[in-house]
């Protein structure tokens, strides 16, 4: 399971456009209209990718939910 949050910060407050859980990265990619590789890049956050350096790019957080 993955938690996907998309938001912008307006006046120091987070305004959420999406806050949803998904079974896998493929479903996140389909929901956002991006490639699976882009979803994987966003979830790993190893480095800031060039497509996230736009002036008005929303914050996208994809985190894996640990199963018990």
N, C-alpha and C. Protein backbone atom coordinates (compact mmCIF):
# COMPACT_ATOMS: atom_id res chain seq x y z
N UNK A 1 0.84 -1.19 0.00
CA UNK A 1 0.00 0.00 0.00
C UNK A 1 0.89 1.26 0.00
N UNK A 2 0.41 2.27 -0.69
CA UNK A 2 1.11 3.54 -0.77
C UNK A 2 0.14 4.68 -0.44
N UNK A 3 0.65 5.66 0.24
CA UNK A 3 -0.10 6.85 0.56
C UNK A 3 0.36 7.94 -0.39
N UNK A 4 -0.56 8.57 -1.10
CA UNK A 4 -0.21 9.62 -2.07
C UNK A 4 -0.90 10.92 -1.67
N UNK A 5 -0.10 11.95 -1.49
CA UNK A 5 -0.63 13.27 -1.13
C UNK A 5 -0.09 14.30 -2.12
N UNK A 6 -0.99 15.08 -2.67
CA UNK A 6 -0.60 16.17 -3.57
C UNK A 6 -1.17 17.45 -2.98
N UNK A 7 -0.31 18.43 -2.80
CA UNK A 7 -0.75 19.66 -2.17
C UNK A 7 0.10 20.84 -2.62
N UNK A 8 -0.43 22.01 -2.40
CA UNK A 8 0.32 23.25 -2.58
C UNK A 8 0.30 23.97 -1.25
N UNK A 9 1.28 24.82 -1.03
CA UNK A 9 1.32 25.60 0.20
C UNK A 9 0.92 27.03 -0.14
N UNK A 10 -0.16 27.47 0.50
CA UNK A 10 -0.68 28.82 0.30
C UNK A 10 -0.74 29.48 1.68
N UNK A 11 -0.07 30.60 1.79
CA UNK A 11 0.00 31.31 3.08
C UNK A 11 0.41 30.39 4.22
N UNK A 12 1.43 29.60 3.96
CA UNK A 12 2.01 28.68 4.95
C UNK A 12 1.06 27.57 5.38
N UNK A 13 0.01 27.31 4.60
CA UNK A 13 -0.94 26.25 4.90
C UNK A 13 -1.03 25.28 3.73
N UNK A 14 -1.05 23.98 4.02
CA UNK A 14 -1.15 22.98 2.97
C UNK A 14 -2.60 22.87 2.48
N UNK A 15 -2.77 22.98 1.17
CA UNK A 15 -4.08 22.81 0.55
C UNK A 15 -3.98 21.53 -0.29
N UNK A 16 -4.70 20.48 0.15
CA UNK A 16 -4.60 19.18 -0.50
C UNK A 16 -5.50 19.08 -1.72
N UNK A 17 -4.92 18.56 -2.80
CA UNK A 17 -5.68 18.27 -4.01
C UNK A 17 -5.98 16.78 -4.09
N UNK A 18 -5.14 15.98 -3.44
CA UNK A 18 -5.34 14.53 -3.40
C UNK A 18 -4.71 13.99 -2.12
N UNK A 19 -5.43 13.14 -1.43
CA UNK A 19 -4.93 12.47 -0.23
C UNK A 19 -5.60 11.11 -0.21
N UNK A 20 -4.92 10.11 -0.81
CA UNK A 20 -5.55 8.83 -1.07
C UNK A 20 -4.53 7.70 -0.95
N UNK A 21 -5.01 6.51 -0.61
CA UNK A 21 -4.14 5.34 -0.54
C UNK A 21 -4.37 4.46 -1.77
N UNK A 22 -3.28 3.87 -2.25
CA UNK A 22 -3.32 3.02 -3.44
C UNK A 22 -2.63 1.70 -3.14
N UNK A 23 -3.02 0.65 -3.86
CA UNK A 23 -2.41 -0.67 -3.66
C UNK A 23 -1.00 -0.74 -4.21
N UNK A 24 -0.73 0.01 -5.29
CA UNK A 24 0.61 -0.05 -5.90
C UNK A 24 0.93 1.23 -6.67
N UNK A 25 2.17 1.34 -7.10
CA UNK A 25 2.62 2.53 -7.83
C UNK A 25 1.97 2.65 -9.20
N UNK A 26 1.63 1.53 -9.81
CA UNK A 26 0.98 1.57 -11.13
C UNK A 26 -0.35 2.30 -11.04
N UNK A 27 -1.12 2.04 -10.00
CA UNK A 27 -2.41 2.71 -9.83
C UNK A 27 -2.23 4.21 -9.56
N UNK A 28 -1.18 4.56 -8.83
CA UNK A 28 -0.88 5.98 -8.60
C UNK A 28 -0.55 6.66 -9.93
N UNK A 29 0.29 6.02 -10.73
CA UNK A 29 0.68 6.57 -12.02
C UNK A 29 -0.55 6.79 -12.91
N UNK A 30 -1.46 5.82 -12.93
CA UNK A 30 -2.67 5.96 -13.74
C UNK A 30 -3.54 7.10 -13.23
N UNK A 31 -3.68 7.24 -11.93
CA UNK A 31 -4.50 8.31 -11.33
C UNK A 31 -3.93 9.69 -11.65
N UNK A 32 -2.60 9.81 -11.61
CA UNK A 32 -1.95 11.11 -11.82
C UNK A 32 -1.65 11.42 -13.29
N UNK A 33 -1.78 10.41 -14.15
CA UNK A 33 -1.47 10.63 -15.56
C UNK A 33 0.02 10.77 -15.81
N UNK A 34 0.82 10.02 -15.04
CA UNK A 34 2.27 10.02 -15.21
C UNK A 34 2.72 8.59 -15.48
N UNK A 35 3.98 8.43 -15.82
CA UNK A 35 4.49 7.08 -16.07
C UNK A 35 4.77 6.37 -14.75
N UNK A 36 4.85 5.05 -14.83
CA UNK A 36 5.19 4.27 -13.64
C UNK A 36 6.56 4.70 -13.10
N UNK A 37 7.51 4.95 -14.01
CA UNK A 37 8.86 5.35 -13.58
C UNK A 37 8.84 6.68 -12.82
N UNK A 38 8.02 7.61 -13.26
CA UNK A 38 7.91 8.89 -12.56
C UNK A 38 7.33 8.68 -11.16
N UNK A 39 6.33 7.81 -11.04
CA UNK A 39 5.76 7.50 -9.72
C UNK A 39 6.81 6.84 -8.83
N UNK A 40 7.60 5.95 -9.40
CA UNK A 40 8.66 5.30 -8.63
C UNK A 40 9.71 6.32 -8.20
N UNK A 41 10.06 7.26 -9.08
CA UNK A 41 11.02 8.31 -8.73
C UNK A 41 10.49 9.16 -7.57
N UNK A 42 9.23 9.53 -7.65
CA UNK A 42 8.64 10.36 -6.59
C UNK A 42 8.59 9.61 -5.26
N UNK A 43 8.36 8.30 -5.31
CA UNK A 43 8.29 7.55 -4.06
C UNK A 43 9.66 7.31 -3.44
N UNK A 44 10.70 7.26 -4.27
CA UNK A 44 12.04 7.00 -3.75
C UNK A 44 12.71 8.27 -3.24
N UNK A 45 12.44 9.41 -3.89
CA UNK A 45 13.01 10.71 -3.49
C UNK A 45 14.52 10.68 -3.35
N UNK A 46 15.20 9.87 -4.15
CA UNK A 46 16.66 9.82 -4.08
C UNK A 46 17.28 11.17 -4.42
N UNK A 47 16.72 11.83 -5.41
CA UNK A 47 17.20 13.14 -5.79
C UNK A 47 16.03 13.89 -6.42
N UNK A 48 16.11 15.20 -6.44
CA UNK A 48 15.04 15.99 -7.05
C UNK A 48 15.17 15.87 -8.56
N UNK A 49 14.10 15.43 -9.19
CA UNK A 49 14.11 15.25 -10.64
C UNK A 49 13.84 16.58 -11.34
N UNK A 50 14.34 16.71 -12.57
CA UNK A 50 14.20 17.97 -13.27
C UNK A 50 12.75 18.35 -13.54
N UNK A 51 11.84 17.37 -13.62
CA UNK A 51 10.44 17.73 -13.87
C UNK A 51 9.73 18.23 -12.61
N UNK A 52 10.42 18.30 -11.48
CA UNK A 52 9.81 18.86 -10.27
C UNK A 52 10.34 20.26 -9.96
N UNK A 53 11.10 20.84 -10.87
CA UNK A 53 11.72 22.14 -10.62
C UNK A 53 10.97 23.31 -11.25
N UNK A 54 9.69 23.14 -11.52
CA UNK A 54 8.90 24.22 -12.08
C UNK A 54 8.45 25.17 -10.99
N UNK A 55 8.18 26.39 -11.35
CA UNK A 55 7.80 27.41 -10.37
C UNK A 55 6.52 27.03 -9.62
N UNK A 56 5.53 26.45 -10.30
CA UNK A 56 4.25 26.15 -9.68
C UNK A 56 3.97 24.66 -9.58
N UNK A 57 4.98 23.86 -9.47
CA UNK A 57 4.81 22.42 -9.35
C UNK A 57 4.29 22.09 -7.95
N UNK A 58 3.20 21.29 -7.83
CA UNK A 58 2.68 20.96 -6.50
C UNK A 58 3.62 19.98 -5.79
N UNK A 59 3.52 19.94 -4.49
CA UNK A 59 4.27 18.96 -3.71
C UNK A 59 3.57 17.61 -3.85
N UNK A 60 4.34 16.59 -4.18
CA UNK A 60 3.78 15.25 -4.31
C UNK A 60 4.57 14.34 -3.38
N UNK A 61 3.87 13.71 -2.45
CA UNK A 61 4.50 12.78 -1.51
C UNK A 61 3.89 11.39 -1.72
N UNK A 62 4.73 10.43 -2.03
CA UNK A 62 4.28 9.05 -2.14
C UNK A 62 5.12 8.24 -1.15
N UNK A 63 4.45 7.67 -0.18
CA UNK A 63 5.17 6.91 0.84
C UNK A 63 4.56 5.52 0.97
N UNK A 64 5.44 4.55 1.11
CA UNK A 64 5.00 3.17 1.29
C UNK A 64 4.48 2.98 2.70
N UNK A 65 3.34 2.33 2.80
CA UNK A 65 2.75 2.03 4.11
C UNK A 65 3.25 0.65 4.52
N UNK A 66 3.91 0.57 5.65
CA UNK A 66 4.46 -0.68 6.11
C UNK A 66 3.35 -1.60 6.60
N UNK A 67 3.39 -2.83 6.12
CA UNK A 67 2.38 -3.81 6.57
C UNK A 67 2.88 -4.53 7.81
N UNK A 68 1.96 -4.92 8.64
CA UNK A 68 2.33 -5.60 9.90
C UNK A 68 2.53 -7.06 9.71
